[in-house]
Amino acid sequence: MKHLAYTAPLVLLLLFTLSGCGSAAGNTTKDRTLNVTLPSEPATADPNKSTDTNSGSVISQTMEGLYTYDQSGKIVAGVATKVVTPTNNGKTYTFNLRKTAKWANGQEVTAQDFVTSLRRWVDPKTKAQYANKLSAIKGYAAIQNGKAAPSTFGVKALSKTKLQITLSQAVPYFDDLVSDYYPLNTATVKKYGQKYGTNAAKTMSNGAYKLVGWTGSNSTWTYVKNTHYWDAKNVKIKKVKVDVTKDESTAATLFKSGKIQETTVSGQYVRANANNKQLHKTLQGRLQYLYVNSKKAATNSENLRQAVSYVTNRETLASKVLADGSKPALNAVPRGDQANPKTGEDMADPTGEPPADRRCQGQDVLD
């Protein structure tokens, strides 16, 4: 966070998707396969180690945490039976798990599976780059610094279906963090260790789909409906085929020919196809920043960095340079990303709006 004083928020990214249905594109009924693309190969299917968006895509399709998001972006219960109210002045969360929550092999998802995952995630030996998502939990710093064992972490299985998480202090946005707290099948992790998540055979899904056919390096795989998923009756598409398509013109051609039903495109395609009714925009809640190297003498000036920020026309960058639907960012908090839990006010609002020439908030998908 210390870098924020030295950076200029440029744009809030949009996701543009081309999506379609019907006989040519292949409609998404239960008897048809949905064909989609990713722009690059995922690095892992291990939620403890994931850092890239492509891995995140795989994990979000095959795993479910305590909480998840509904179609409007609202936090709702996932494996947990409900969104809970903390006790102990906001520091203790006690979750009851669905007894119907199952792994793809039919085993019950247990509180111990969450303990296994969170302890492994916080363990320095895992080398998790995003372990800081656990920083609010009691014992995090001591474990990360090697001064305490992962077994001392503030997560506890009170019973097979009851999990307790204790924080070092109350965190108002903890519900959003919880949505990223995925379980790991304890037996599968013990079997594969550090190799867990390196291919489909070394993973275990508890979400709507199972990962099938991913070797860890190939560019084509499938998501197959997990019949043991607790909400399987509402999973309408039985199979999703994923193809890594790095060239967006190729992806657009595949879409037009009906070989795929969803793909992602960027500025150049959007500029040329602005009136395409199959082009859909979705804010990603992600900012792009302009970083100035403060370690170099020539640029080690806060005044210079502020001057660069003032003269950067975010509106022009968004509309003329990126031209992919990105919007000028108002500040370091993406608009529409988070709301004040007490008032419902957008968290970007309290900081106020900068002058028009300093604003900036986008990406595209064929759907």
Protein backbone atom coordinates (compact mmCIF):
# COMPACT_ATOMS: atom_id res chain seq x y z
CA MET A 1 0.00 0.00 0.00
CA LYS A 2 2.97 2.36 0.53
CA HIS A 3 3.31 2.69 -3.24
CA LEU A 4 -0.10 4.31 -3.65
CA ALA A 5 1.30 7.77 -2.92
CA TYR A 6 3.63 7.37 -5.85
CA THR A 7 1.27 5.94 -8.43
CA ALA A 8 -1.42 7.35 -10.64
CA PRO A 9 -4.66 5.38 -11.08
CA LEU A 10 -5.19 5.21 -14.80
CA VAL A 11 -8.08 2.99 -15.83
CA LEU A 12 -10.68 0.67 -14.43
CA LEU A 13 -10.79 -2.34 -16.71
CA LEU A 14 -13.87 -3.78 -18.35
CA LEU A 15 -14.37 -7.32 -19.52
CA PHE A 16 -15.79 -7.53 -23.02
CA THR A 17 -17.23 -10.88 -24.01
CA LEU A 18 -18.67 -12.14 -27.23
CA SER A 19 -21.38 -14.61 -26.37
CA GLY A 20 -24.15 -16.18 -28.34
CA CYS A 21 -26.50 -19.11 -28.64
CA GLY A 22 -28.79 -20.65 -31.19
CA SER A 23 -28.16 -23.49 -33.61
CA ALA A 24 -25.08 -21.99 -35.23
CA ALA A 25 -23.32 -21.06 -32.05
CA GLY A 26 -24.61 -24.13 -30.22
CA ASN A 27 -27.24 -23.36 -27.62
CA THR A 28 -26.40 -23.98 -23.99
CA THR A 29 -28.98 -26.61 -23.12
CA LYS A 30 -28.12 -29.56 -20.90
CA ASP A 31 -27.37 -31.78 -23.91
CA ARG A 32 -24.89 -29.45 -25.56
CA THR A 33 -21.28 -28.63 -24.82
CA LEU A 34 -20.44 -24.98 -24.21
CA ASN A 35 -17.21 -24.02 -25.99
CA VAL A 36 -15.16 -21.15 -24.54
CA THR A 37 -11.62 -19.79 -24.69
CA LEU A 38 -8.94 -18.57 -22.32
CA PRO A 39 -6.21 -16.19 -23.51
CA SER A 40 -3.39 -18.24 -21.97
CA GLU A 41 -2.62 -21.46 -20.09
CA PRO A 42 -3.32 -21.62 -16.35
CA ALA A 43 -0.31 -22.05 -14.10
CA THR A 44 -2.04 -24.18 -11.47
CA ALA A 45 -5.35 -25.54 -10.22
CA ASP A 46 -4.19 -25.16 -6.62
CA PRO A 47 -6.15 -22.34 -4.92
CA ASN A 48 -3.36 -21.91 -2.35
CA LYS A 49 -0.83 -21.08 -5.07
CA SER A 50 -2.89 -19.37 -7.77
CA THR A 51 -1.77 -15.88 -8.81
CA ASP A 52 -2.84 -15.50 -12.46
CA THR A 53 -6.31 -14.84 -13.83
CA ASN A 54 -6.32 -17.97 -16.00
CA SER A 55 -5.67 -20.21 -12.99
CA GLY A 56 -8.33 -18.23 -11.16
CA SER A 57 -10.78 -19.02 -13.96
CA VAL A 58 -10.14 -22.76 -13.63
CA ILE A 59 -10.44 -22.65 -9.85
CA SER A 60 -13.64 -20.60 -9.84
CA GLN A 61 -15.32 -23.13 -12.17
CA THR A 62 -14.29 -26.18 -10.15
CA MET A 63 -14.16 -25.02 -6.52
CA GLU A 64 -16.52 -23.37 -4.04
CA GLY A 65 -15.57 -21.60 -0.83
CA LEU A 66 -17.50 -20.80 2.31
CA TYR A 67 -19.10 -17.90 0.45
CA THR A 68 -19.54 -17.16 -3.22
CA TYR A 69 -21.09 -14.42 -5.38
CA ASP A 70 -24.48 -14.38 -7.03
CA GLN A 71 -25.13 -13.01 -10.53
CA SER A 72 -25.42 -9.45 -9.23
CA GLY A 73 -22.08 -9.66 -7.43
CA LYS A 74 -23.57 -10.02 -3.96
CA ILE A 75 -21.93 -12.27 -1.35
CA VAL A 76 -24.05 -15.37 -0.69
CA ALA A 77 -23.53 -18.66 1.13
CA GLY A 78 -21.48 -21.32 -0.64
CA VAL A 79 -20.37 -24.35 1.38
CA ALA A 80 -21.47 -22.45 4.48
CA THR A 81 -25.18 -22.63 5.21
CA LYS A 82 -25.47 -18.85 5.50
CA VAL A 83 -23.52 -15.60 5.65
CA VAL A 84 -22.77 -15.35 9.35
CA THR A 85 -22.63 -12.45 11.80
CA PRO A 86 -19.35 -12.42 13.74
CA THR A 87 -19.15 -12.48 17.52
CA ASN A 88 -16.41 -11.40 19.95
CA ASN A 89 -16.53 -7.78 18.74
CA GLY A 90 -16.30 -8.85 15.12
CA LYS A 91 -13.31 -11.15 15.60
CA THR A 92 -14.87 -14.62 15.67
CA TYR A 93 -16.68 -16.23 12.74
CA THR A 94 -18.39 -19.60 13.21
CA PHE A 95 -19.58 -21.31 10.05
CA ASN A 96 -21.92 -24.27 9.80
CA LEU A 97 -21.24 -26.25 6.64
CA ARG A 98 -23.84 -27.81 4.37
CA LYS A 99 -24.11 -31.51 5.10
CA THR A 100 -24.92 -31.92 1.40
CA ALA A 101 -21.62 -30.32 0.28
CA LYS A 102 -19.62 -33.08 -1.41
CA TRP A 103 -16.35 -33.58 -3.21
CA ALA A 104 -16.40 -34.95 -6.74
CA ASN A 105 -15.58 -38.40 -5.34
CA GLY A 106 -18.71 -38.30 -3.17
CA GLN A 107 -16.95 -37.59 0.12
CA GLU A 108 -18.40 -34.93 2.41
CA VAL A 109 -16.69 -31.52 2.50
CA THR A 110 -15.65 -31.10 6.14
CA ALA A 111 -14.46 -28.31 8.39
CA GLN A 112 -11.10 -30.08 8.50
CA ASP A 113 -10.80 -29.63 4.73
CA PHE A 114 -10.92 -25.86 5.27
CA VAL A 115 -8.40 -26.09 8.11
CA THR A 116 -6.11 -28.14 5.87
CA SER A 117 -6.35 -25.53 3.12
CA LEU A 118 -5.86 -22.41 5.25
CA ARG A 119 -2.98 -23.87 7.28
CA ARG A 120 -1.26 -25.00 4.09
CA TRP A 121 -1.85 -21.58 2.52
CA VAL A 122 -0.31 -19.68 5.44
CA ASP A 123 2.64 -22.08 5.77
CA PRO A 124 5.79 -20.35 4.41
CA LYS A 125 6.84 -23.67 2.88
CA THR A 126 3.93 -23.40 0.44
CA LYS A 127 5.41 -20.15 -0.90
CA ALA A 128 1.96 -18.75 -1.58
CA GLN A 129 2.24 -15.29 -3.14
CA TYR A 130 -1.25 -14.33 -1.99
CA ALA A 131 -0.96 -15.61 1.57
CA ASN A 132 -1.65 -12.03 2.66
CA LYS A 133 -5.33 -12.70 2.01
CA LEU A 134 -5.12 -14.50 5.35
CA SER A 135 -3.41 -11.63 7.17
CA ALA A 136 -6.49 -10.77 9.24
CA ILE A 137 -6.54 -14.21 10.86
CA LYS A 138 -4.95 -14.61 14.27
CA GLY A 139 -1.38 -15.92 14.16
CA TYR A 140 -0.70 -14.96 10.54
CA ALA A 141 2.39 -12.80 11.09
CA ALA A 142 4.10 -15.17 13.51
CA ILE A 143 3.62 -18.13 11.16
CA GLN A 144 4.77 -16.21 8.08
CA ASN A 145 7.87 -15.07 9.97
CA GLY A 146 8.69 -18.63 11.03
CA LYS A 147 8.07 -17.91 14.71
CA ALA A 148 5.04 -20.18 15.06
CA ALA A 149 3.76 -23.39 13.48
CA PRO A 150 0.81 -23.40 11.03
CA SER A 151 -1.06 -25.52 13.59
CA THR A 152 -1.36 -22.38 15.75
CA PHE A 153 -3.27 -20.51 13.03
CA GLY A 154 -6.66 -19.11 14.07
CA VAL A 155 -8.75 -21.69 12.22
CA LYS A 156 -10.36 -24.62 14.01
CA ALA A 157 -12.68 -27.50 13.15
CA LEU A 158 -15.16 -27.53 16.04
CA SER A 159 -16.89 -30.55 14.50
CA LYS A 160 -17.19 -32.22 11.13
CA THR A 161 -19.49 -29.47 9.89
CA LYS A 162 -18.56 -26.49 12.07
CA LEU A 163 -15.58 -24.23 11.34
CA GLN A 164 -14.34 -21.34 13.45
CA ILE A 165 -12.05 -18.55 12.26
CA THR A 166 -10.61 -16.07 14.76
CA LEU A 167 -9.25 -12.72 13.61
CA SER A 168 -6.60 -10.60 15.27
CA GLN A 169 -8.94 -7.63 14.85
CA ALA A 170 -12.28 -6.95 13.25
CA VAL A 171 -12.19 -6.49 9.46
CA PRO A 172 -15.30 -4.95 7.82
CA TYR A 173 -14.60 -6.54 4.41
CA PHE A 174 -13.87 -10.02 5.76
CA ASP A 175 -16.86 -11.54 3.95
CA ASP A 176 -15.17 -10.78 0.63
CA LEU A 177 -11.97 -12.46 1.81
CA VAL A 178 -13.95 -15.51 2.88
CA SER A 179 -15.18 -16.00 -0.70
CA ASP A 180 -11.57 -16.89 -1.60
CA TYR A 181 -11.20 -19.41 1.23
CA TYR A 182 -11.53 -22.70 -0.61
CA PRO A 183 -11.31 -26.12 1.04
CA LEU A 184 -8.83 -28.77 -0.05
CA ASN A 185 -9.64 -32.45 0.11
CA THR A 186 -7.38 -33.47 2.99
CA ALA A 187 -6.62 -36.97 1.74
CA THR A 188 -5.79 -35.74 -1.78
CA VAL A 189 -3.42 -33.04 -0.47
CA LYS A 190 -1.65 -35.57 1.75
CA LYS A 191 -1.27 -37.88 -1.24
CA TYR A 192 0.19 -35.34 -3.68
CA GLY A 193 1.77 -32.71 -1.42
CA GLN A 194 3.42 -29.89 -3.37
CA LYS A 195 2.30 -31.52 -6.63
CA TYR A 196 -1.35 -30.96 -5.77
CA GLY A 197 -3.04 -28.91 -8.50
CA THR A 198 -0.35 -29.52 -11.14
CA ASN A 199 -2.81 -31.41 -13.34
CA ALA A 200 -6.42 -32.59 -13.33
CA ALA A 201 -5.55 -36.00 -11.88
CA LYS A 202 -3.93 -34.34 -8.86
CA THR A 203 -6.89 -32.15 -7.93
CA MET A 204 -10.25 -32.70 -6.29
CA SER A 205 -13.24 -30.46 -7.04
CA ASN A 206 -16.10 -29.49 -4.74
CA GLY A 207 -17.69 -26.95 -7.09
CA ALA A 208 -20.18 -27.19 -9.93
CA TYR A 209 -17.67 -28.80 -12.29
CA LYS A 210 -14.80 -31.29 -12.27
CA LEU A 211 -11.58 -30.49 -14.09
CA VAL A 212 -10.97 -33.14 -16.76
CA GLY A 213 -8.15 -33.57 -19.26
CA TRP A 214 -5.77 -30.85 -18.10
CA THR A 215 -2.20 -32.22 -18.01
CA GLY A 216 -0.65 -29.07 -16.62
CA SER A 217 0.74 -27.98 -19.99
CA ASN A 218 -1.90 -28.68 -22.65
CA SER A 219 -4.13 -26.03 -24.15
CA THR A 220 -7.45 -27.90 -24.20
CA TRP A 221 -9.48 -29.37 -21.34
CA THR A 222 -13.04 -29.68 -20.13
CA TYR A 223 -15.21 -28.93 -17.12
CA VAL A 224 -17.65 -31.77 -16.50
CA LYS A 225 -20.66 -31.35 -14.24
CA ASN A 226 -19.98 -32.55 -10.70
CA THR A 227 -23.02 -34.69 -9.96
CA HIS A 228 -22.11 -34.63 -6.24
CA TYR A 229 -22.23 -30.83 -6.06
CA TRP A 230 -24.82 -29.78 -3.48
CA ASP A 231 -26.65 -27.52 -5.99
CA ALA A 232 -26.18 -29.77 -9.03
CA LYS A 233 -29.87 -29.51 -9.97
CA ASN A 234 -29.28 -25.88 -10.94
CA VAL A 235 -26.19 -26.59 -13.07
CA LYS A 236 -27.78 -26.68 -16.53
CA ILE A 237 -24.71 -27.19 -18.72
CA LYS A 238 -23.17 -30.63 -18.36
CA LYS A 239 -19.90 -29.97 -20.14
CA VAL A 240 -17.74 -26.97 -20.98
CA LYS A 241 -14.80 -27.29 -23.37
CA VAL A 242 -11.97 -24.79 -22.95
CA ASP A 243 -9.44 -23.93 -25.65
CA VAL A 244 -6.49 -21.62 -25.07
CA THR A 245 -6.61 -19.12 -27.93
CA LYS A 246 -3.93 -16.48 -27.60
CA ASP A 247 -4.73 -14.58 -30.78
CA GLU A 248 -7.98 -12.65 -30.45
CA SER A 249 -8.57 -12.48 -34.20
CA THR A 250 -8.48 -16.28 -34.27
CA ALA A 251 -10.87 -16.36 -31.31
CA ALA A 252 -13.24 -13.94 -33.04
CA THR A 253 -13.17 -16.07 -36.20
CA LEU A 254 -13.96 -19.21 -34.19
CA PHE A 255 -16.84 -17.33 -32.58
CA LYS A 256 -18.25 -16.13 -35.88
CA SER A 257 -18.11 -19.68 -37.27
CA GLY A 258 -20.03 -21.01 -34.27
CA LYS A 259 -17.18 -23.19 -32.99
CA ILE A 260 -17.05 -21.32 -29.70
CA GLN A 261 -19.82 -19.54 -27.81
CA GLU A 262 -17.79 -17.22 -25.60
CA THR A 263 -14.42 -15.52 -25.95
CA THR A 264 -12.60 -12.40 -24.79
CA VAL A 265 -11.54 -9.53 -27.03
CA SER A 266 -9.79 -6.21 -26.50
CA GLY A 267 -9.61 -2.67 -27.84
CA GLN A 268 -8.85 -3.25 -31.50
CA TYR A 269 -11.77 -5.62 -32.01
CA VAL A 270 -14.09 -3.41 -29.98
CA ARG A 271 -13.25 -0.33 -32.05
CA ALA A 272 -14.06 -2.23 -35.24
CA ASN A 273 -17.21 -3.91 -33.90
CA ALA A 274 -18.70 -1.36 -31.53
CA ASN A 275 -22.25 -2.06 -32.73
CA ASN A 276 -22.03 -5.85 -32.41
CA LYS A 277 -25.00 -6.90 -30.25
CA GLN A 278 -23.11 -10.00 -29.15
CA LEU A 279 -20.45 -7.85 -27.50
CA HIS A 280 -21.01 -7.52 -23.75
CA LYS A 281 -19.14 -5.35 -21.26
CA THR A 282 -18.52 -6.16 -17.61
CA LEU A 283 -16.44 -4.09 -15.20
CA GLN A 284 -13.60 -6.18 -13.77
CA GLY A 285 -12.96 -4.04 -10.71
CA ARG A 286 -9.28 -3.86 -11.62
CA LEU A 287 -7.03 -0.81 -11.95
CA GLN A 288 -4.06 -0.16 -14.17
CA TYR A 289 -1.34 2.02 -12.67
CA LEU A 290 1.54 4.08 -13.98
CA TYR A 291 4.57 3.38 -11.81
CA VAL A 292 7.56 5.72 -11.67
CA ASN A 293 10.92 4.23 -10.62
CA SER A 294 11.62 6.03 -7.34
CA LYS A 295 14.96 4.21 -6.93
CA LYS A 296 16.49 6.21 -9.77
CA ALA A 297 17.88 9.62 -8.84
CA ALA A 298 16.32 11.29 -11.87
CA THR A 299 12.82 10.23 -10.87
CA ASN A 300 13.18 10.09 -7.09
CA SER A 301 10.98 13.09 -6.53
CA GLU A 302 7.49 12.99 -5.13
CA ASN A 303 6.76 16.33 -6.77
CA LEU A 304 7.75 14.87 -10.15
CA ARG A 305 5.54 11.85 -9.65
CA GLN A 306 2.63 14.06 -8.66
CA ALA A 307 3.27 16.23 -11.72
CA VAL A 308 3.15 13.15 -13.97
CA SER A 309 -0.13 12.22 -12.33
CA TYR A 310 -1.59 15.69 -12.93
CA VAL A 311 -0.64 15.85 -16.60
CA THR A 312 -1.83 12.32 -17.41
CA ASN A 313 -5.15 12.57 -19.22
CA ARG A 314 -6.94 9.45 -18.08
CA GLU A 315 -9.96 10.12 -20.25
CA THR A 316 -7.80 10.11 -23.37
CA LEU A 317 -5.94 6.99 -22.26
CA ALA A 318 -9.20 5.16 -21.71
CA SER A 319 -11.16 6.30 -24.74
CA LYS A 320 -8.43 6.83 -27.37
CA VAL A 321 -5.47 4.62 -26.43
CA LEU A 322 -7.03 1.53 -24.84
CA ALA A 323 -10.35 2.09 -26.58
CA ASP A 324 -11.64 -1.14 -25.09
CA GLY A 325 -14.41 0.22 -22.88
CA SER A 326 -12.13 1.07 -19.97
CA LYS A 327 -13.26 3.99 -17.85
CA PRO A 328 -11.23 6.76 -16.16
CA ALA A 329 -10.46 5.86 -12.53
CA LEU A 330 -11.67 8.32 -9.92
CA ASN A 331 -9.11 7.19 -7.34
CA ALA A 332 -7.36 4.04 -6.12
CA VAL A 333 -10.67 2.33 -5.29
CA PRO A 334 -12.45 0.86 -8.34
CA ARG A 335 -15.95 2.29 -8.64
CA GLY A 336 -18.65 -0.35 -8.28
CA ASP A 337 -16.28 -2.86 -6.67
CA GLN A 338 -17.20 -2.52 -2.99
CA ALA A 339 -19.99 -0.92 -1.00
CA ASN A 340 -20.02 0.34 2.56
CA PRO A 341 -21.69 -2.54 4.48
CA LYS A 342 -23.54 -0.08 6.73
CA THR A 343 -24.72 2.52 4.25
CA GLY A 344 -24.50 0.79 0.87
CA GLU A 345 -22.46 3.76 -0.41
CA ASP A 346 -19.84 3.01 -3.06
CA MET A 347 -16.45 2.84 -1.34
CA ALA A 348 -15.02 5.02 -4.10
CA ASP A 349 -17.33 7.90 -3.19
CA PRO A 350 -15.95 9.18 0.14
CA THR A 351 -12.62 10.15 -1.41
CA GLY A 352 -14.33 12.48 -3.85
CA GLU A 353 -13.82 12.92 -7.56
CA PRO A 354 -10.61 14.50 -8.91
CA PRO A 355 -10.68 17.08 -11.71
CA ALA A 356 -12.01 15.78 -15.01
CA ASP A 357 -8.55 15.54 -16.63
CA ARG A 358 -7.30 13.31 -13.79
CA ARG A 359 -10.01 10.68 -13.94
CA CYS A 360 -9.68 7.24 -15.36
CA GLN A 361 -11.58 3.55 -15.09
CA GLY A 362 -12.01 -1.71 -18.58
CA GLN A 363 -11.56 -5.25 -21.34
CA ASP A 364 -13.93 -6.90 -23.83
CA VAL A 365 -15.65 -10.28 -24.35
CA LEU A 366 -17.58 -11.86 -27.26
CA ASP A 367 -20.65 -13.58 -25.87
